[in-house]
Amino acid sequence: MKNWFVICTVVMLLGGWSFAGSHDEDSGKTSLQSQVDSVRQSIEQKNWRRAAHGAHELRQMYDQKEWKLQLLGDESEYEGLQQDIARLQAAVKARDKANAFTELADIEVMISNIYSY
């Protein structure tokens, strides 16, 4: 009976940690996606200064979360995300709306791929 209690306790604790980790991963995905949406909105409004600031913030968010992204995704995914963000920054700097939207779409796909489990 005592062993059963210990096993149940361990399972509940592990389940709780798993749930907490999942929530953290979801909030990481949500914050990145929210930033992508913000940049998209700035580009749609042709507010290039705000779009450039938003793309820079997206890069900073990537840098802060890079170790988590490395754990969640494979090398091609998190490196691809980093490259897509750099191309987004270049497109925004050039005020190239079409390429900026293309990079935003690529970034969304990479985020989705990394956080799918």
C-alpha atoms as a PDB file:
ATOM      1  CA  MET A   1       0.000   0.000   0.000  1.00  0.00           C
ATOM      2  CA  LYS A   2       2.854   2.337   0.857  1.00  0.00           C
ATOM      3  CA  ASN A   3       4.492   1.685  -2.533  1.00  0.00           C
ATOM      4  CA  TRP A   4       1.233   2.506  -4.282  1.00  0.00           C
ATOM      5  CA  PHE A   5       1.091   5.877  -2.479  1.00  0.00           C
ATOM      6  CA  VAL A   6       4.684   6.679  -3.461  1.00  0.00           C
ATOM      7  CA  ILE A   7       4.040   5.751  -7.102  1.00  0.00           C
ATOM      8  CA  CYS A   8       0.877   7.873  -7.238  1.00  0.00           C
ATOM      9  CA  THR A   9       2.682  10.831  -5.672  1.00  0.00           C
ATOM     10  CA  VAL A  10       5.541  10.602  -8.158  1.00  0.00           C
ATOM     11  CA  VAL A  11       3.138  10.351 -11.102  1.00  0.00           C
ATOM     12  CA  MET A  12       1.179  13.385  -9.903  1.00  0.00           C
ATOM     13  CA  LEU A  13       4.329  15.437  -9.425  1.00  0.00           C
ATOM     14  CA  LEU A  14       5.685  14.536 -12.828  1.00  0.00           C
ATOM     15  CA  GLY A  15       2.336  15.269 -14.404  1.00  0.00           C
ATOM     16  CA  GLY A  16       2.281  18.657 -12.697  1.00  0.00           C
ATOM     17  CA  TRP A  17       5.763  19.507 -13.907  1.00  0.00           C
ATOM     18  CA  SER A  18       4.841  18.445 -17.398  1.00  0.00           C
ATOM     19  CA  PHE A  19       1.774  20.666 -17.325  1.00  0.00           C
ATOM     20  CA  ALA A  20       3.759  23.611 -15.974  1.00  0.00           C
ATOM     21  CA  GLY A  21       6.398  23.169 -18.656  1.00  0.00           C
ATOM     22  CA  SER A  22       3.748  23.014 -21.334  1.00  0.00           C
ATOM     23  CA  HIS A  23       2.227  26.252 -20.067  1.00  0.00           C
ATOM     24  CA  ASP A  24       5.642  27.943 -20.171  1.00  0.00           C
ATOM     25  CA  GLU A  25       6.191  26.747 -23.725  1.00  0.00           C
ATOM     26  CA  ASP A  26       2.747  27.998 -24.740  1.00  0.00           C
ATOM     27  CA  SER A  27       3.453  31.426 -23.249  1.00  0.00           C
ATOM     28  CA  GLY A  28       6.733  31.529 -25.205  1.00  0.00           C
ATOM     29  CA  LYS A  29       4.906  30.714 -28.399  1.00  0.00           C
ATOM     30  CA  THR A  30       2.193  33.244 -27.580  1.00  0.00           C
ATOM     31  CA  SER A  31       4.657  36.047 -26.865  1.00  0.00           C
ATOM     32  CA  LEU A  32       6.571  35.412 -30.101  1.00  0.00           C
ATOM     33  CA  GLN A  33       3.336  35.183 -32.095  1.00  0.00           C
ATOM     34  CA  SER A  34       2.050  38.363 -30.475  1.00  0.00           C
ATOM     35  CA  GLN A  35       5.213  40.190 -31.516  1.00  0.00           C
ATOM     36  CA  VAL A  36       4.871  38.891 -35.087  1.00  0.00           C
ATOM     37  CA  ASP A  37       1.286  40.190 -35.134  1.00  0.00           C
ATOM     38  CA  SER A  38       2.456  43.573 -33.878  1.00  0.00           C
ATOM     39  CA  VAL A  39       5.087  43.842 -36.610  1.00  0.00           C
ATOM     40  CA  ARG A  40       2.539  42.802 -39.228  1.00  0.00           C
ATOM     41  CA  GLN A  41       0.115  45.470 -38.069  1.00  0.00           C
ATOM     42  CA  SER A  42       2.853  48.129 -38.193  1.00  0.00           C
ATOM     43  CA  ILE A  43       3.749  47.147 -41.752  1.00  0.00           C
ATOM     44  CA  GLU A  44       0.093  47.183 -42.823  1.00  0.00           C
ATOM     45  CA  GLN A  45      -0.155  50.734 -41.448  1.00  0.00           C
ATOM     46  CA  LYS A  46       3.126  51.627 -43.203  1.00  0.00           C
ATOM     47  CA  ASN A  47       4.601  52.633 -39.868  1.00  0.00           C
ATOM     48  CA  TRP A  48       8.130  51.543 -40.742  1.00  0.00           C
ATOM     49  CA  ARG A  49       9.729  53.003 -37.625  1.00  0.00           C
ATOM     50  CA  ARG A  50       7.429  50.984 -35.363  1.00  0.00           C
ATOM     51  CA  ALA A  51       7.868  47.911 -37.595  1.00  0.00           C
ATOM     52  CA  ALA A  52      11.656  48.220 -37.302  1.00  0.00           C
ATOM     53  CA  HIS A  53      11.375  48.542 -33.537  1.00  0.00           C
ATOM     54  CA  GLY A  54       9.048  45.527 -33.426  1.00  0.00           C
ATOM     55  CA  ALA A  55      11.405  43.436 -35.561  1.00  0.00           C
ATOM     56  CA  HIS A  56      14.270  44.404 -33.261  1.00  0.00           C
ATOM     57  CA  GLU A  57      12.196  43.366 -30.240  1.00  0.00           C
ATOM     58  CA  LEU A  58      11.392  40.069 -31.973  1.00  0.00           C
ATOM     59  CA  ARG A  59      15.123  39.488 -32.383  1.00  0.00           C
ATOM     60  CA  GLN A  60      15.695  40.259 -28.699  1.00  0.00           C
ATOM     61  CA  MET A  61      12.926  37.849 -27.730  1.00  0.00           C
ATOM     62  CA  TYR A  62      14.567  35.183 -29.889  1.00  0.00           C
ATOM     63  CA  ASP A  63      17.922  35.819 -28.205  1.00  0.00           C
ATOM     64  CA  GLN A  64      16.350  35.513 -24.745  1.00  0.00           C
ATOM     65  CA  LYS A  65      14.487  32.305 -25.632  1.00  0.00           C
ATOM     66  CA  GLU A  66      17.168  30.744 -27.822  1.00  0.00           C
ATOM     67  CA  TRP A  67      18.128  28.035 -25.318  1.00  0.00           C
ATOM     68  CA  LYS A  68      14.470  26.979 -24.985  1.00  0.00           C
ATOM     69  CA  LEU A  69      14.050  26.989 -28.757  1.00  0.00           C
ATOM     70  CA  GLN A  70      17.131  24.784 -29.041  1.00  0.00           C
ATOM     71  CA  LEU A  71      15.565  22.296 -26.644  1.00  0.00           C
ATOM     72  CA  LEU A  72      12.182  22.307 -28.372  1.00  0.00           C
ATOM     73  CA  GLY A  73      13.172  22.368 -32.033  1.00  0.00           C
ATOM     74  CA  ASP A  74      15.852  20.894 -34.170  1.00  0.00           C
ATOM     75  CA  GLU A  75      18.856  22.863 -35.361  1.00  0.00           C
ATOM     76  CA  SER A  76      17.423  23.741 -38.764  1.00  0.00           C
ATOM     77  CA  GLU A  77      14.258  25.133 -37.165  1.00  0.00           C
ATOM     78  CA  TYR A  78      15.769  27.480 -34.605  1.00  0.00           C
ATOM     79  CA  GLU A  79      18.560  28.566 -36.962  1.00  0.00           C
ATOM     80  CA  GLY A  80      15.959  29.062 -39.698  1.00  0.00           C
ATOM     81  CA  LEU A  81      13.935  31.239 -37.339  1.00  0.00           C
ATOM     82  CA  GLN A  82      17.006  33.326 -36.594  1.00  0.00           C
ATOM     83  CA  GLN A  83      17.671  33.792 -40.332  1.00  0.00           C
ATOM     84  CA  ASP A  84      14.029  34.654 -41.030  1.00  0.00           C
ATOM     85  CA  ILE A  85      14.113  37.348 -38.345  1.00  0.00           C
ATOM     86  CA  ALA A  86      17.298  38.809 -39.854  1.00  0.00           C
ATOM     87  CA  ARG A  87      15.670  38.857 -43.308  1.00  0.00           C
ATOM     88  CA  LEU A  88      12.575  40.483 -41.789  1.00  0.00           C
ATOM     89  CA  GLN A  89      14.736  43.219 -40.295  1.00  0.00           C
ATOM     90  CA  ALA A  90      16.368  43.800 -43.697  1.00  0.00           C
ATOM     91  CA  ALA A  91      12.994  43.896 -45.494  1.00  0.00           C
ATOM     92  CA  VAL A  92      11.606  46.389 -42.976  1.00  0.00           C
ATOM     93  CA  LYS A  93      14.713  48.551 -43.278  1.00  0.00           C
ATOM     94  CA  ALA A  94      14.278  48.534 -47.079  1.00  0.00           C
ATOM     95  CA  ARG A  95      10.541  49.213 -46.635  1.00  0.00           C
ATOM     96  CA  ASP A  96       9.830  46.147 -48.747  1.00  0.00           C
ATOM     97  CA  LYS A  97       6.288  45.235 -47.784  1.00  0.00           C
ATOM     98  CA  ALA A  98       6.038  42.050 -49.884  1.00  0.00           C
ATOM     99  CA  ASN A  99       9.268  40.517 -48.561  1.00  0.00           C
ATOM    100  CA  ALA A 100       8.436  41.577 -45.015  1.00  0.00           C
ATOM    101  CA  PHE A 101       5.099  39.745 -45.212  1.00  0.00           C
ATOM    102  CA  THR A 102       6.826  36.705 -46.691  1.00  0.00           C
ATOM    103  CA  GLU A 103       9.324  36.636 -43.823  1.00  0.00           C
ATOM    104  CA  LEU A 104       6.546  37.070 -41.260  1.00  0.00           C
ATOM    105  CA  ALA A 105       4.775  34.039 -42.746  1.00  0.00           C
ATOM    106  CA  ASP A 106       8.020  32.029 -42.617  1.00  0.00           C
ATOM    107  CA  ILE A 107       8.566  33.089 -39.003  1.00  0.00           C
ATOM    108  CA  GLU A 108       5.063  31.949 -38.065  1.00  0.00           C
ATOM    109  CA  VAL A 109       5.674  28.551 -39.662  1.00  0.00           C
ATOM    110  CA  MET A 110       8.977  28.148 -37.814  1.00  0.00           C
ATOM    111  CA  ILE A 111       7.398  29.109 -34.483  1.00  0.00           C
ATOM    112  CA  SER A 112       4.598  26.632 -35.071  1.00  0.00           C
ATOM    113  CA  ASN A 113       7.067  23.890 -36.007  1.00  0.00           C
ATOM    114  CA  ILE A 114       9.280  24.487 -32.993  1.00  0.00           C
ATOM    115  CA  TYR A 115       6.404  24.514 -30.521  1.00  0.00           C
ATOM    116  CA  SER A 116       4.560  21.529 -31.998  1.00  0.00           C
ATOM    117  CA  TYR A 117       5.000  18.438 -29.855  1.00  0.00           C
END
